[in-house]
N, C-alpha and C. Protein backbone atom coordinates (compact mmCIF):
# COMPACT_ATOMS: atom_id res chain seq x y z
N MET A 1 51.95 -5.16 -31.75
CA MET A 1 50.63 -4.77 -30.30
C MET A 1 49.52 -3.80 -30.93
N LEU A 2 50.22 -2.96 -31.33
CA LEU A 2 49.08 -1.75 -31.23
C LEU A 2 47.62 -1.78 -32.31
N GLU A 3 48.67 -2.80 -33.77
CA GLU A 3 47.07 -2.61 -34.27
C GLU A 3 46.53 -3.91 -33.70
N ARG A 4 46.46 -4.14 -32.71
CA ARG A 4 46.17 -5.12 -31.88
C ARG A 4 45.43 -4.65 -30.75
N LEU A 5 45.89 -3.65 -30.36
CA LEU A 5 44.85 -2.59 -29.23
C LEU A 5 43.61 -1.61 -29.63
N TYR A 6 44.44 -1.12 -31.13
CA TYR A 6 43.22 -0.09 -31.83
C TYR A 6 42.21 -0.62 -32.78
N VAL A 7 41.19 -1.31 -31.69
CA VAL A 7 40.45 -2.20 -32.40
C VAL A 7 38.84 -1.65 -31.99
N GLU A 8 37.95 -2.22 -33.64
CA GLU A 8 37.03 -1.47 -32.26
C GLU A 8 35.97 -2.33 -31.65
N LEU A 9 35.21 -1.79 -30.78
CA LEU A 9 34.87 -2.94 -29.09
C LEU A 9 33.36 -2.59 -29.49
N ALA A 10 32.84 -3.49 -28.77
CA ALA A 10 31.77 -4.19 -28.22
C ALA A 10 31.22 -4.19 -27.29
N ASP A 11 30.62 -4.05 -26.61
CA ASP A 11 29.04 -5.01 -25.60
C ASP A 11 27.88 -4.45 -25.61
N GLY A 12 27.00 -5.33 -26.11
CA GLY A 12 25.80 -5.25 -25.83
C GLY A 12 25.34 -3.76 -26.66
N ASP A 13 25.01 -2.49 -26.21
CA ASP A 13 24.85 -1.24 -26.68
C ASP A 13 25.44 -0.35 -26.75
N LEU A 14 26.60 -0.45 -25.95
CA LEU A 14 27.73 -0.13 -26.40
C LEU A 14 28.94 -0.30 -26.98
N GLY A 15 29.48 0.31 -27.87
CA GLY A 15 30.26 0.64 -29.45
C GLY A 15 31.02 1.45 -29.00
N LEU A 16 32.25 1.14 -29.45
CA LEU A 16 33.81 1.65 -29.56
C LEU A 16 33.52 1.72 -30.64
N ALA A 17 34.33 3.05 -31.51
CA ALA A 17 34.27 2.62 -33.52
C ALA A 17 35.44 3.71 -32.91
N LYS A 18 36.20 3.51 -34.49
CA LYS A 18 37.29 4.52 -34.37
C LYS A 18 37.09 5.69 -35.13
N LEU A 19 37.62 7.05 -34.39
CA LEU A 19 36.98 8.11 -34.66
C LEU A 19 37.30 8.63 -35.62
N GLY A 20 36.89 9.18 -36.62
CA GLY A 20 36.77 9.60 -38.37
C GLY A 20 35.99 10.73 -38.51
N GLU A 21 36.44 11.26 -39.77
CA GLU A 21 35.91 12.44 -40.90
C GLU A 21 33.69 12.11 -40.61
N GLN A 22 33.66 11.03 -40.33
CA GLN A 22 32.58 10.80 -40.52
C GLN A 22 31.31 10.79 -38.69
N HIS A 23 32.25 10.96 -38.07
CA HIS A 23 31.96 11.34 -36.66
C HIS A 23 31.59 12.61 -36.70
N ARG A 24 32.57 13.27 -37.25
CA ARG A 24 32.80 15.27 -37.55
C ARG A 24 31.72 15.41 -36.14
N GLU A 25 29.99 15.53 -37.58
CA GLU A 25 28.62 16.64 -36.56
C GLU A 25 28.31 15.98 -36.01
N ALA A 26 28.38 14.73 -35.49
CA ALA A 26 27.84 14.18 -34.66
C ALA A 26 28.21 14.46 -33.18
N LEU A 27 29.53 14.62 -33.25
CA LEU A 27 30.58 14.43 -32.18
C LEU A 27 30.51 16.02 -31.74
N ARG A 28 30.35 17.16 -32.82
CA ARG A 28 29.77 18.58 -32.53
C ARG A 28 28.91 18.79 -31.82
N ALA A 29 27.78 18.41 -32.03
CA ALA A 29 26.55 18.72 -31.51
C ALA A 29 26.59 18.04 -30.19
N VAL A 30 27.34 16.85 -29.90
CA VAL A 30 27.70 16.17 -28.19
C VAL A 30 28.37 17.44 -28.04
N CYS A 31 29.99 17.24 -28.03
CA CYS A 31 30.55 18.34 -27.07
C CYS A 31 29.90 19.79 -26.59
N ALA A 32 29.13 20.33 -27.77
CA ALA A 32 28.37 21.42 -27.65
C ALA A 32 27.13 21.59 -25.92
N THR A 33 27.24 20.19 -25.15
CA THR A 33 25.92 20.10 -24.56
C THR A 33 26.13 20.38 -23.42
N ASP A 34 27.55 20.60 -23.04
CA ASP A 34 27.95 20.69 -21.13
C ASP A 34 29.31 21.75 -22.01
N GLY A 35 29.03 23.30 -22.07
CA GLY A 35 30.28 24.01 -22.35
C GLY A 35 31.38 24.41 -21.41
N ASP A 36 30.44 23.94 -19.97
CA ASP A 36 30.87 24.50 -18.85
C ASP A 36 31.76 24.07 -18.46
N ILE A 37 32.03 22.84 -19.39
CA ILE A 37 32.95 21.81 -18.46
C ILE A 37 34.20 21.28 -19.03
N TRP A 38 34.69 22.92 -20.19
CA TRP A 38 36.21 22.69 -21.67
C TRP A 38 37.08 22.66 -20.26
N PRO A 39 37.15 23.87 -19.65
CA PRO A 39 38.19 24.74 -18.78
C PRO A 39 38.89 23.76 -17.74
N ILE A 40 38.17 22.36 -17.49
CA ILE A 40 38.88 21.74 -17.13
C ILE A 40 39.61 20.88 -18.09
N TYR A 41 39.45 20.62 -18.86
CA TYR A 41 40.35 19.85 -20.03
C TYR A 41 41.11 20.26 -20.80
N SER A 42 42.67 19.48 -21.09
CA SER A 42 43.71 19.78 -21.82
C SER A 42 43.09 21.09 -23.12
N SER A 43 42.20 20.29 -23.85
CA SER A 43 42.30 21.27 -24.90
C SER A 43 41.06 20.73 -25.05
N SER A 44 39.86 22.29 -25.40
CA SER A 44 38.54 22.56 -25.76
C SER A 44 38.29 22.08 -27.11
N PHE A 45 36.89 21.26 -26.67
CA PHE A 45 36.14 20.68 -27.59
C PHE A 45 34.08 21.98 -27.86
N GLY A 46 34.66 23.08 -27.33
CA GLY A 46 33.12 23.61 -27.86
C GLY A 46 33.26 24.28 -28.78
N PRO A 47 32.02 24.16 -28.76
CA PRO A 47 32.17 24.96 -30.67
C PRO A 47 32.92 25.77 -31.32
N GLU A 48 33.83 26.77 -30.42
CA GLU A 48 34.72 28.29 -30.93
C GLU A 48 36.25 27.50 -31.07
N HIS A 49 36.33 25.78 -30.55
CA HIS A 49 37.54 25.23 -30.67
C HIS A 49 37.18 23.80 -31.76
N PHE A 50 36.11 23.49 -31.82
CA PHE A 50 36.07 22.37 -31.64
C PHE A 50 37.24 22.28 -33.22
N ASP A 51 36.60 22.26 -34.15
CA ASP A 51 37.27 22.04 -35.32
C ASP A 51 38.71 21.30 -35.04
N ALA A 52 39.22 22.70 -34.50
CA ALA A 52 41.46 22.68 -34.64
C ALA A 52 41.29 20.94 -33.42
N SER A 53 40.30 20.84 -32.15
CA SER A 53 40.82 19.83 -31.76
C SER A 53 40.42 18.56 -32.20
N PHE A 54 39.57 18.20 -33.12
CA PHE A 54 39.33 17.54 -34.00
C PHE A 54 40.07 16.80 -34.71
N ASP A 55 40.56 17.76 -35.80
CA ASP A 55 41.76 17.56 -36.60
C ASP A 55 42.81 17.16 -35.57
N ALA A 56 43.09 18.01 -34.53
CA ALA A 56 44.53 17.37 -33.09
C ALA A 56 44.40 15.76 -33.33
N LEU A 57 43.29 15.40 -32.55
CA LEU A 57 42.86 14.41 -32.52
C LEU A 57 43.49 12.70 -32.75
N THR A 58 42.18 13.37 -34.59
CA THR A 58 42.29 12.30 -35.26
C THR A 58 43.92 12.25 -36.31
N GLY A 59 44.62 13.33 -36.15
CA GLY A 59 45.54 13.24 -36.49
C GLY A 59 46.85 12.48 -36.37
N ALA A 60 46.72 11.58 -35.50
CA ALA A 60 47.61 10.66 -35.16
C ALA A 60 48.40 11.36 -34.10
N GLY A 61 49.68 11.06 -34.19
CA GLY A 61 50.43 12.23 -32.98
C GLY A 61 50.48 11.34 -31.64
N GLY A 62 50.45 9.34 -31.68
CA GLY A 62 50.11 8.78 -29.85
C GLY A 62 48.40 9.00 -29.53
N ARG A 63 47.79 9.78 -30.62
CA ARG A 63 45.94 9.06 -30.36
C ARG A 63 45.51 8.69 -30.66
N MET A 64 44.84 7.48 -30.46
CA MET A 64 43.96 6.85 -30.76
C MET A 64 42.60 6.25 -31.05
N PRO A 65 41.86 7.68 -31.22
CA PRO A 65 40.33 7.92 -30.22
C PRO A 65 39.09 6.86 -31.17
N TYR A 66 38.29 7.05 -30.46
CA TYR A 66 36.99 6.76 -30.65
C TYR A 66 35.96 7.85 -30.56
N ALA A 67 34.58 7.29 -30.98
CA ALA A 67 33.81 7.55 -30.84
C ALA A 67 32.69 6.81 -30.23
N ILE A 68 32.12 6.84 -29.10
CA ILE A 68 31.51 6.22 -28.50
C ILE A 68 29.80 6.26 -28.48
N PHE A 69 29.23 4.66 -28.99
CA PHE A 69 28.17 5.04 -29.12
C PHE A 69 26.80 4.06 -28.30
N ASP A 70 26.17 4.49 -27.83
CA ASP A 70 24.54 4.07 -26.79
C ASP A 70 24.12 3.82 -28.28
N GLY A 71 24.41 2.05 -28.54
CA GLY A 71 22.94 2.05 -29.55
C GLY A 71 23.64 2.52 -31.41
N ASP A 72 23.07 3.24 -31.75
CA ASP A 72 22.78 3.66 -32.74
C ASP A 72 23.62 5.44 -33.16
N ARG A 73 23.28 5.72 -31.18
CA ARG A 73 23.52 6.88 -31.02
C ARG A 73 24.89 7.43 -30.57
N LEU A 74 25.80 8.39 -31.36
CA LEU A 74 27.04 8.91 -31.43
C LEU A 74 26.89 9.40 -29.60
N ILE A 75 27.80 9.36 -28.38
CA ILE A 75 27.49 9.79 -26.80
C ILE A 75 29.14 10.45 -26.56
N GLY A 76 29.91 10.32 -27.41
CA GLY A 76 31.32 11.28 -26.64
C GLY A 76 32.63 9.79 -27.34
N MET A 77 33.40 10.65 -26.43
CA MET A 77 34.64 10.40 -27.24
C MET A 77 35.69 9.90 -26.29
N THR A 78 36.53 9.28 -26.60
CA THR A 78 37.58 8.66 -25.76
C THR A 78 38.84 7.95 -26.97
N ALA A 79 40.58 7.66 -26.17
CA ALA A 79 40.87 7.66 -27.08
C ALA A 79 42.11 6.91 -25.70
N TRP A 80 42.72 6.00 -26.43
CA TRP A 80 44.17 5.63 -26.17
C TRP A 80 45.26 6.78 -26.52
N LEU A 81 46.47 6.70 -25.27
CA LEU A 81 46.88 7.93 -25.29
C LEU A 81 48.67 7.55 -25.20
N ARG A 82 48.56 8.07 -25.82
CA ARG A 82 50.39 7.16 -25.19
C ARG A 82 50.82 6.12 -25.49
N PRO A 83 50.67 5.14 -26.28
CA PRO A 83 50.98 3.38 -25.75
C PRO A 83 52.78 4.03 -26.41
N ASP A 84 52.83 3.02 -25.90
CA ASP A 84 53.91 2.78 -25.32
C ASP A 84 54.67 0.87 -25.62
N MET A 85 54.39 0.10 -26.60
CA MET A 85 54.61 -1.36 -26.31
C MET A 85 55.94 -2.26 -25.69
N SER A 86 56.81 -0.75 -25.78
CA SER A 86 58.31 -2.28 -25.80
C SER A 86 57.94 -2.08 -23.50
N ALA A 87 57.20 -0.76 -23.27
CA ALA A 87 56.93 -0.81 -21.81
C ALA A 87 55.22 -1.25 -21.60
N GLN A 88 54.29 -2.02 -22.28
CA GLN A 88 53.37 -2.94 -21.87
C GLN A 88 52.57 -1.30 -21.36
N THR A 89 52.53 -0.14 -21.65
CA THR A 89 52.19 0.69 -20.89
C THR A 89 50.59 1.52 -21.42
N VAL A 90 50.10 2.16 -21.48
CA VAL A 90 48.80 2.84 -22.58
C VAL A 90 47.99 3.56 -21.35
N GLU A 91 47.64 5.15 -21.79
CA GLU A 91 46.75 5.72 -21.02
C GLU A 91 45.45 5.52 -21.76
N ILE A 92 44.81 5.68 -21.06
CA ILE A 92 42.88 6.39 -21.49
C ILE A 92 42.70 7.79 -20.90
N GLY A 93 41.98 8.44 -21.84
CA GLY A 93 42.17 9.83 -22.12
C GLY A 93 41.06 10.67 -23.12
N ASN A 94 40.78 11.41 -22.22
CA ASN A 94 40.42 12.36 -23.78
C ASN A 94 38.96 11.90 -23.96
N SER A 95 38.20 11.78 -22.30
CA SER A 95 37.04 11.39 -22.89
C SER A 95 35.79 12.29 -21.93
N PHE A 96 34.95 12.24 -23.11
CA PHE A 96 33.92 13.08 -23.03
C PHE A 96 32.70 12.12 -22.79
N LEU A 97 31.64 12.12 -22.19
CA LEU A 97 30.19 11.93 -22.50
C LEU A 97 29.27 12.59 -22.29
N HIS A 98 27.89 12.83 -23.42
CA HIS A 98 27.09 13.62 -23.22
C HIS A 98 26.54 13.79 -21.43
N PRO A 99 25.98 14.53 -20.88
CA PRO A 99 25.08 15.00 -20.11
C PRO A 99 24.26 13.89 -19.44
N ASP A 100 23.72 13.54 -20.73
CA ASP A 100 22.52 12.70 -20.40
C ASP A 100 23.27 11.17 -19.98
N ALA A 101 24.37 11.00 -20.41
CA ALA A 101 24.60 9.59 -20.05
C ALA A 101 25.97 9.29 -18.84
N ARG A 102 25.59 10.49 -18.01
CA ARG A 102 27.03 10.57 -17.22
C ARG A 102 25.87 10.41 -16.03
N GLY A 103 26.71 9.36 -14.51
CA GLY A 103 26.07 8.86 -13.56
C GLY A 103 25.22 7.89 -13.47
N THR A 104 24.90 7.17 -15.10
CA THR A 104 24.25 6.16 -15.20
C THR A 104 24.94 4.86 -15.06
N GLY A 105 26.50 4.77 -15.06
CA GLY A 105 26.77 3.60 -14.96
C GLY A 105 28.01 3.47 -16.99
N PHE A 106 27.33 4.14 -17.67
CA PHE A 106 28.35 3.61 -19.12
C PHE A 106 29.54 3.81 -19.06
N ASN A 107 29.92 5.35 -18.45
CA ASN A 107 31.17 5.49 -18.61
C ASN A 107 31.99 4.18 -17.54
N GLY A 108 31.54 3.52 -16.92
CA GLY A 108 32.34 2.49 -15.99
C GLY A 108 32.03 1.82 -16.86
N ARG A 109 31.18 1.23 -17.55
CA ARG A 109 31.33 0.36 -18.84
C ARG A 109 32.31 0.02 -19.94
N VAL A 110 32.70 1.64 -20.49
CA VAL A 110 33.20 2.12 -21.53
C VAL A 110 34.85 1.80 -21.18
N LYS A 111 35.09 1.66 -19.63
CA LYS A 111 36.14 2.11 -19.35
C LYS A 111 36.38 0.64 -19.01
N ARG A 112 35.46 -0.22 -18.32
CA ARG A 112 35.78 -1.18 -18.20
C ARG A 112 35.95 -2.49 -19.21
N LEU A 113 35.45 -2.20 -20.28
CA LEU A 113 35.63 -2.71 -21.85
C LEU A 113 37.54 -2.19 -22.87
N MET A 114 37.77 -1.21 -22.03
CA MET A 114 39.10 -0.11 -22.43
C MET A 114 40.13 -2.00 -22.32
N ILE A 115 39.56 -1.00 -20.33
CA ILE A 115 40.89 -2.22 -19.37
C ILE A 115 41.06 -3.45 -20.22
N ASP A 116 39.44 -4.21 -20.03
CA ASP A 116 39.54 -5.76 -20.22
C ASP A 116 40.72 -5.86 -21.78
N HIS A 117 40.05 -5.20 -22.41
CA HIS A 117 41.01 -5.53 -23.65
C HIS A 117 42.27 -5.02 -23.97
N ALA A 118 42.79 -3.68 -23.17
CA ALA A 118 44.54 -3.19 -23.32
C ALA A 118 45.16 -4.56 -22.19
N PHE A 119 44.43 -5.30 -21.61
CA PHE A 119 44.86 -6.12 -20.95
C PHE A 119 45.60 -7.31 -21.46
N GLY A 120 44.17 -7.61 -22.02
CA GLY A 120 43.68 -8.86 -23.09
C GLY A 120 45.08 -8.90 -24.49
N VAL A 121 45.39 -7.62 -24.86
CA VAL A 121 46.69 -7.81 -26.13
C VAL A 121 47.46 -7.57 -25.44
N GLY A 122 48.01 -7.71 -24.03
CA GLY A 122 49.25 -7.54 -23.52
C GLY A 122 50.09 -6.48 -22.51
N VAL A 123 48.66 -5.45 -22.46
CA VAL A 123 49.52 -4.28 -21.95
C VAL A 123 49.44 -4.28 -20.52
N ARG A 124 50.24 -4.10 -19.59
CA ARG A 124 50.38 -4.55 -18.36
C ARG A 124 50.12 -3.13 -17.57
N ARG A 125 50.47 -2.15 -18.24
CA ARG A 125 50.11 -0.92 -17.28
C ARG A 125 49.40 0.77 -17.75
N ILE A 126 48.09 0.33 -17.07
CA ILE A 126 47.17 1.50 -16.87
C ILE A 126 47.22 2.62 -16.98
N GLU A 127 47.38 4.14 -17.38
CA GLU A 127 47.71 5.26 -16.95
C GLU A 127 46.16 6.13 -17.17
N PHE A 128 46.28 7.03 -16.04
CA PHE A 128 45.00 7.79 -16.33
C PHE A 128 45.43 9.05 -15.99
N ARG A 129 45.38 9.92 -16.52
CA ARG A 129 46.36 11.47 -16.16
C ARG A 129 45.40 12.61 -16.22
N ILE A 130 44.49 13.25 -14.98
CA ILE A 130 42.82 14.14 -14.93
C ILE A 130 43.62 15.03 -13.70
N ASP A 131 43.17 16.53 -14.28
CA ASP A 131 43.61 17.37 -14.10
C ASP A 131 42.92 17.49 -12.63
N GLU A 132 43.88 18.67 -11.80
CA GLU A 132 43.23 17.49 -9.94
C GLU A 132 42.55 18.58 -10.10
N ARG A 133 41.36 19.54 -10.49
CA ARG A 133 40.29 19.84 -10.76
C ARG A 133 39.59 19.42 -10.75
N ASN A 134 39.32 17.86 -11.36
CA ASN A 134 38.28 17.13 -11.80
C ASN A 134 38.21 16.01 -10.99
N LYS A 135 37.87 16.24 -9.72
CA LYS A 135 37.35 15.37 -8.83
C LYS A 135 36.04 14.61 -9.01
N ARG A 136 35.10 14.99 -10.28
CA ARG A 136 34.40 13.62 -10.71
C ARG A 136 35.47 12.68 -11.50
N SER A 137 35.73 12.83 -12.67
CA SER A 137 36.66 11.96 -13.25
C SER A 137 38.21 11.20 -11.68
N GLN A 138 37.94 11.89 -11.42
CA GLN A 138 38.88 10.95 -9.87
C GLN A 138 38.43 10.17 -9.00
N ALA A 139 36.83 10.57 -8.83
CA ALA A 139 36.65 9.47 -8.51
C ALA A 139 35.63 8.42 -8.91
N ALA A 140 35.60 8.47 -10.51
CA ALA A 140 34.78 8.00 -11.35
C ALA A 140 37.13 6.17 -12.26
N VAL A 141 37.96 6.75 -11.79
CA VAL A 141 38.95 5.81 -12.05
C VAL A 141 39.21 5.29 -10.67
N ALA A 142 38.79 5.97 -9.33
CA ALA A 142 38.95 5.24 -8.20
C ALA A 142 37.79 3.91 -8.24
N LYS A 143 36.97 4.11 -8.72
CA LYS A 143 35.68 3.11 -8.75
C LYS A 143 36.00 1.90 -9.16
N LEU A 144 37.15 2.24 -10.10
CA LEU A 144 37.54 1.04 -11.00
C LEU A 144 38.33 0.67 -10.09
N GLY A 145 39.51 0.88 -9.24
CA GLY A 145 40.47 0.27 -8.90
C GLY A 145 41.37 0.93 -9.36
N CYS A 146 41.40 2.12 -9.62
CA CYS A 146 42.49 2.37 -10.07
C CYS A 146 43.37 3.00 -8.68
N PHE A 147 45.04 3.43 -8.64
CA PHE A 147 45.56 3.74 -7.88
C PHE A 147 46.25 5.09 -8.09
N LYS A 148 45.84 6.36 -7.48
CA LYS A 148 46.86 7.72 -7.39
C LYS A 148 47.82 7.63 -6.71
N GLU A 149 49.10 7.39 -8.49
CA GLU A 149 50.38 7.40 -7.35
C GLU A 149 50.55 8.65 -6.98
N ALA A 150 50.57 9.68 -7.86
CA ALA A 150 51.48 11.19 -7.45
C ALA A 150 50.19 12.44 -8.18
N THR A 151 50.79 13.46 -7.96
CA THR A 151 50.61 15.01 -8.30
C THR A 151 51.77 15.44 -8.93
N LEU A 152 51.54 15.23 -10.53
CA LEU A 152 52.51 16.02 -11.60
C LEU A 152 52.30 17.64 -11.05
N ARG A 153 52.86 18.27 -10.56
CA ARG A 153 52.93 19.37 -10.53
C ARG A 153 53.62 20.48 -11.73
N SER A 154 52.71 21.58 -12.13
CA SER A 154 53.01 22.51 -13.13
C SER A 154 52.78 21.62 -14.87
N GLU A 155 52.17 20.17 -14.42
CA GLU A 155 52.45 19.33 -15.36
C GLU A 155 52.29 19.96 -17.12
N ARG A 156 51.50 20.77 -17.39
CA ARG A 156 51.16 21.21 -18.36
C ARG A 156 50.12 22.38 -18.17
N ILE A 157 49.99 23.27 -19.90
CA ILE A 157 48.77 24.48 -19.75
C ILE A 157 48.05 23.71 -20.63
N THR A 158 46.75 24.37 -20.06
CA THR A 158 45.76 23.89 -20.74
C THR A 158 45.48 24.99 -21.92
N TRP A 159 44.56 24.82 -23.14
CA TRP A 159 44.10 25.76 -23.48
C TRP A 159 44.12 26.96 -22.80
N THR A 160 43.24 27.33 -21.54
CA THR A 160 42.57 28.87 -21.28
C THR A 160 44.30 29.47 -21.01
N GLY A 161 45.01 28.59 -20.75
CA GLY A 161 46.83 29.45 -20.18
C GLY A 161 46.38 28.59 -19.22
N HIS A 162 45.79 28.08 -18.03
CA HIS A 162 45.78 27.58 -16.70
C HIS A 162 47.44 26.64 -16.68
N VAL A 163 47.90 26.58 -15.50
CA VAL A 163 49.05 26.09 -15.35
C VAL A 163 48.31 24.99 -14.71
N ARG A 164 48.57 23.58 -14.81
CA ARG A 164 47.55 22.59 -14.71
C ARG A 164 48.52 21.31 -14.36
N ASP A 165 48.10 21.01 -12.77
CA ASP A 165 48.73 20.46 -11.79
C ASP A 165 47.89 18.50 -12.07
N THR A 166 48.56 17.96 -12.43
CA THR A 166 47.85 16.62 -12.92
C THR A 166 48.18 14.94 -11.81
N ALA A 167 46.71 14.58 -11.25
CA ALA A 167 46.29 13.54 -10.77
C ALA A 167 47.20 12.27 -11.62
N LEU A 168 48.10 11.56 -11.39
CA LEU A 168 48.72 10.19 -12.34
C LEU A 168 47.48 9.29 -11.78
N TRP A 169 46.82 8.05 -12.14
CA TRP A 169 46.06 7.10 -11.82
C TRP A 169 47.11 6.42 -12.53
N SER A 170 46.99 4.90 -11.87
CA SER A 170 47.35 3.54 -12.00
C SER A 170 46.08 2.51 -12.62
N LEU A 171 46.83 1.89 -13.09
CA LEU A 171 45.80 0.27 -12.98
C LEU A 171 47.19 -0.63 -13.46
N LEU A 172 47.10 -1.69 -12.94
CA LEU A 172 48.35 -3.40 -12.77
C LEU A 172 47.53 -4.16 -13.35
N ALA A 173 47.85 -5.06 -14.77
CA ALA A 173 46.69 -6.22 -15.02
C ALA A 173 46.96 -6.82 -13.39
N GLY A 174 47.44 -7.03 -12.55
CA GLY A 174 47.21 -8.05 -12.22
C GLY A 174 46.55 -7.82 -11.00
N GLU A 175 46.45 -6.48 -10.93
CA GLU A 175 45.39 -5.76 -9.80
C GLU A 175 43.92 -5.96 -10.47
N TRP A 176 43.80 -5.96 -11.98
CA TRP A 176 42.53 -6.06 -12.27
C TRP A 176 42.15 -7.67 -12.58
N ALA A 177 43.21 -8.49 -12.54
CA ALA A 177 42.12 -9.72 -13.15
C ALA A 177 41.36 -10.39 -11.89
N GLY A 178 40.50 -10.81 -12.36
CA GLY A 178 39.29 -11.39 -11.51
C GLY A 178 38.89 -10.16 -11.15
N ARG A 179 38.25 -9.39 -11.73
CA ARG A 179 36.96 -8.44 -11.22
C ARG A 179 36.18 -7.90 -12.40
């Protein structure tokens, strides 16, 4: 099922391409457009941390990252995380969009494309793990019909040393049917 999950996806001008070395410099430029956001992420893709974070993201380890395209323009990244095909679950995360694309509905299109695809290949549960401080991302997954299940207290230590409380959100295949 993993090989069917991690494929390139498209819907009109929206494209998700497997993130690779050929995207490094374009993604570096996109990630540099919002230096203020990185403290609420687990890892920083800001200029001083970009290469190490990019290498870790593309170096496997349960991550299947995408470059997000609007037409020919790379505008961000997202990923499948923690795939567990025996449990039929996967997380969507490591998402970042250029500030110009925020508030346009583009992120919702990205997530709907990924959710439709995941459920279509047999995933039954999708998770989103979001820093409790990141209210914008929590509002976005709530709009998709996801449910907040819990707050995982002191769940991880971020790149800044912050001990993060993580909001656990989920969506089940049966809840998505017909959307």
